[in-house]
Amino acid sequence: RDVVSQGLPFVLAPKLRTGVFDKIWKSKDAGAKSLKKWVSVFTVSIISTFASQIFHSSQTTMQADHSLSYKGALEDLWNRNGKSMFYKGAEARVALNIVVN
């Protein structure tokens, strides 16, 4: 979970900046360069937080019920949430990241 939600932004953000933002916004002054860097990190951070939500939910479910296996946690999540188990709660984690960071 942490590799996805915390590691990916710093690995993929430079690629997003050079592949997208540098092409859209040609300015190379220090302010623009800094802004493009942080918009890239922020964008990838939001995406990776949503991508890691299923891992976060599974971990929380297993911590709440120690009798569950990995498969049991996924079954429990599916029975309670259906396909929303892949993203439910991610918006709260994004908001927390914005407040904390």
C-alpha atoms as a PDB file:
ATOM      1  CA  ARG A   1       0.000   0.000   0.000  1.00  0.00           C
ATOM      2  CA  ASP A   2       2.696   2.508   0.963  1.00  0.00           C
ATOM      3  CA  VAL A   3       4.747   1.750  -2.143  1.00  0.00           C
ATOM      4  CA  VAL A   4       1.752   2.681  -4.288  1.00  0.00           C
ATOM      5  CA  SER A   5       0.456   5.679  -2.349  1.00  0.00           C
ATOM      6  CA  GLN A   6       3.771   7.187  -1.236  1.00  0.00           C
ATOM      7  CA  GLY A   7       6.418   5.829  -3.591  1.00  0.00           C
ATOM      8  CA  LEU A   8       4.780   6.287  -6.975  1.00  0.00           C
ATOM      9  CA  PRO A   9       4.329  10.069  -6.768  1.00  0.00           C
ATOM     10  CA  PHE A  10       8.059  10.679  -6.544  1.00  0.00           C
ATOM     11  CA  VAL A  11       8.863   8.109  -9.227  1.00  0.00           C
ATOM     12  CA  LEU A  12       6.170   9.139 -11.727  1.00  0.00           C
ATOM     13  CA  ALA A  13       5.819  12.884 -11.052  1.00  0.00           C
ATOM     14  CA  PRO A  14       8.968  13.826 -13.023  1.00  0.00           C
ATOM     15  CA  LYS A  15       7.683  11.807 -15.993  1.00  0.00           C
ATOM     16  CA  LEU A  16       4.310  13.572 -15.800  1.00  0.00           C
ATOM     17  CA  ARG A  17       6.027  16.962 -15.599  1.00  0.00           C
ATOM     18  CA  THR A  18       8.319  16.372 -18.587  1.00  0.00           C
ATOM     19  CA  GLY A  19       5.774  14.395 -20.600  1.00  0.00           C
ATOM     20  CA  VAL A  20       2.755  16.656 -20.081  1.00  0.00           C
ATOM     21  CA  PHE A  21       3.235  19.887 -18.146  1.00  0.00           C
ATOM     22  CA  ASP A  22       6.512  20.950 -19.798  1.00  0.00           C
ATOM     23  CA  LYS A  23       4.864  20.497 -23.203  1.00  0.00           C
ATOM     24  CA  ILE A  24       1.723  22.404 -22.241  1.00  0.00           C
ATOM     25  CA  TRP A  25       3.477  25.190 -20.331  1.00  0.00           C
ATOM     26  CA  LYS A  26       6.696  26.108 -22.113  1.00  0.00           C
ATOM     27  CA  SER A  27       7.943  28.646 -19.526  1.00  0.00           C
ATOM     28  CA  LYS A  28      11.199  27.660 -17.842  1.00  0.00           C
ATOM     29  CA  ASP A  29      11.516  30.383 -15.210  1.00  0.00           C
ATOM     30  CA  ALA A  30      12.082  29.235 -11.615  1.00  0.00           C
ATOM     31  CA  GLY A  31       8.497  29.877 -10.494  1.00  0.00           C
ATOM     32  CA  ALA A  32       6.965  27.939 -13.380  1.00  0.00           C
ATOM     33  CA  LYS A  33       9.438  25.088 -12.928  1.00  0.00           C
ATOM     34  CA  SER A  34       8.559  24.795  -9.228  1.00  0.00           C
ATOM     35  CA  LEU A  35       4.827  25.013  -9.882  1.00  0.00           C
ATOM     36  CA  LYS A  36       4.988  22.304 -12.571  1.00  0.00           C
ATOM     37  CA  LYS A  37       6.964  20.066 -10.214  1.00  0.00           C
ATOM     38  CA  TRP A  38       4.475  20.356  -7.360  1.00  0.00           C
ATOM     39  CA  VAL A  39       1.378  20.097  -9.580  1.00  0.00           C
ATOM     40  CA  SER A  40       2.875  16.878 -10.969  1.00  0.00           C
ATOM     41  CA  VAL A  41       3.552  15.467  -7.485  1.00  0.00           C
ATOM     42  CA  PHE A  42       0.069  16.470  -6.293  1.00  0.00           C
ATOM     43  CA  THR A  43      -1.646  14.946  -9.354  1.00  0.00           C
ATOM     44  CA  VAL A  44       0.194  11.625  -9.136  1.00  0.00           C
ATOM     45  CA  SER A  45      -0.326  11.577  -5.366  1.00  0.00           C
ATOM     46  CA  ILE A  46      -4.110  11.798  -5.766  1.00  0.00           C
ATOM     47  CA  ILE A  47      -4.142   9.080  -8.433  1.00  0.00           C
ATOM     48  CA  SER A  48      -1.883   6.773  -6.409  1.00  0.00           C
ATOM     49  CA  THR A  49      -3.994   7.286  -3.274  1.00  0.00           C
ATOM     50  CA  PHE A  50      -7.062   6.049  -5.155  1.00  0.00           C
ATOM     51  CA  ALA A  51      -5.015   3.200  -6.687  1.00  0.00           C
ATOM     52  CA  SER A  52      -3.896   2.033  -3.237  1.00  0.00           C
ATOM     53  CA  GLN A  53      -7.339   2.239  -1.599  1.00  0.00           C
ATOM     54  CA  ILE A  54      -8.112  -1.479  -1.942  1.00  0.00           C
ATOM     55  CA  PHE A  55      -4.873  -2.305  -0.113  1.00  0.00           C
ATOM     56  CA  HIS A  56      -5.684   0.220   2.610  1.00  0.00           C
ATOM     57  CA  SER A  57      -9.235  -1.107   3.041  1.00  0.00           C
ATOM     58  CA  SER A  58      -7.998  -4.703   3.170  1.00  0.00           C
ATOM     59  CA  GLN A  59      -5.416  -3.858   5.812  1.00  0.00           C
ATOM     60  CA  THR A  60      -7.964  -2.011   7.934  1.00  0.00           C
ATOM     61  CA  THR A  61     -10.470  -4.873   7.620  1.00  0.00           C
ATOM     62  CA  MET A  62      -7.878  -7.426   8.709  1.00  0.00           C
ATOM     63  CA  GLN A  63      -6.832  -5.253  11.660  1.00  0.00           C
ATOM     64  CA  ALA A  64     -10.456  -4.970  12.776  1.00  0.00           C
ATOM     65  CA  ASP A  65     -11.034  -8.746  12.524  1.00  0.00           C
ATOM     66  CA  HIS A  66      -7.904 -10.790  13.196  1.00  0.00           C
ATOM     67  CA  SER A  67      -9.624 -14.024  12.146  1.00  0.00           C
ATOM     68  CA  LEU A  68      -9.769 -12.927   8.493  1.00  0.00           C
ATOM     69  CA  SER A  69      -7.301 -14.171   5.909  1.00  0.00           C
ATOM     70  CA  TYR A  70      -6.377 -12.035   2.895  1.00  0.00           C
ATOM     71  CA  LYS A  71      -9.094 -13.783   0.898  1.00  0.00           C
ATOM     72  CA  GLY A  72     -11.566 -13.397   3.769  1.00  0.00           C
ATOM     73  CA  ALA A  73     -10.874  -9.670   3.998  1.00  0.00           C
ATOM     74  CA  LEU A  74     -11.521  -9.229   0.290  1.00  0.00           C
ATOM     75  CA  GLU A  75     -14.715 -11.279   0.490  1.00  0.00           C
ATOM     76  CA  ASP A  76     -15.887  -9.218   3.463  1.00  0.00           C
ATOM     77  CA  LEU A  77     -15.140  -5.965   1.648  1.00  0.00           C
ATOM     78  CA  TRP A  78     -16.934  -7.192  -1.474  1.00  0.00           C
ATOM     79  CA  ASN A  79     -19.998  -8.321   0.503  1.00  0.00           C
ATOM     80  CA  ARG A  80     -20.238  -4.971   2.302  1.00  0.00           C
ATOM     81  CA  ASN A  81     -19.243  -2.581  -0.494  1.00  0.00           C
ATOM     82  CA  GLY A  82     -19.326  -4.286  -3.891  1.00  0.00           C
ATOM     83  CA  LYS A  83     -17.136  -2.649  -6.500  1.00  0.00           C
ATOM     84  CA  SER A  84     -16.901   0.522  -4.437  1.00  0.00           C
ATOM     85  CA  MET A  85     -14.384  -1.370  -2.268  1.00  0.00           C
ATOM     86  CA  PHE A  86     -11.774  -0.252  -4.800  1.00  0.00           C
ATOM     87  CA  TYR A  87     -12.291   3.461  -4.118  1.00  0.00           C
ATOM     88  CA  LYS A  88     -14.576   3.980  -1.098  1.00  0.00           C
ATOM     89  CA  GLY A  89     -12.749   6.065   1.487  1.00  0.00           C
ATOM     90  CA  ALA A  90     -10.007   7.307  -0.845  1.00  0.00           C
ATOM     91  CA  GLU A  91     -11.456  10.821  -0.912  1.00  0.00           C
ATOM     92  CA  ALA A  92     -10.967  11.066   2.850  1.00  0.00           C
ATOM     93  CA  ARG A  93      -7.348   9.943   2.505  1.00  0.00           C
ATOM     94  CA  VAL A  94      -6.784  12.552  -0.225  1.00  0.00           C
ATOM     95  CA  ALA A  95      -8.278  15.266   1.988  1.00  0.00           C
ATOM     96  CA  LEU A  96      -6.083  14.175   4.881  1.00  0.00           C
ATOM     97  CA  ASN A  97      -2.995  14.294   2.643  1.00  0.00           C
ATOM     98  CA  ILE A  98      -3.883  17.827   1.586  1.00  0.00           C
ATOM     99  CA  VAL A  99      -4.309  18.972   5.185  1.00  0.00           C
ATOM    100  CA  VAL A 100      -1.198  17.206   6.487  1.00  0.00           C
ATOM    101  CA  ASN A 101       1.120  17.972   3.604  1.00  0.00           C
END
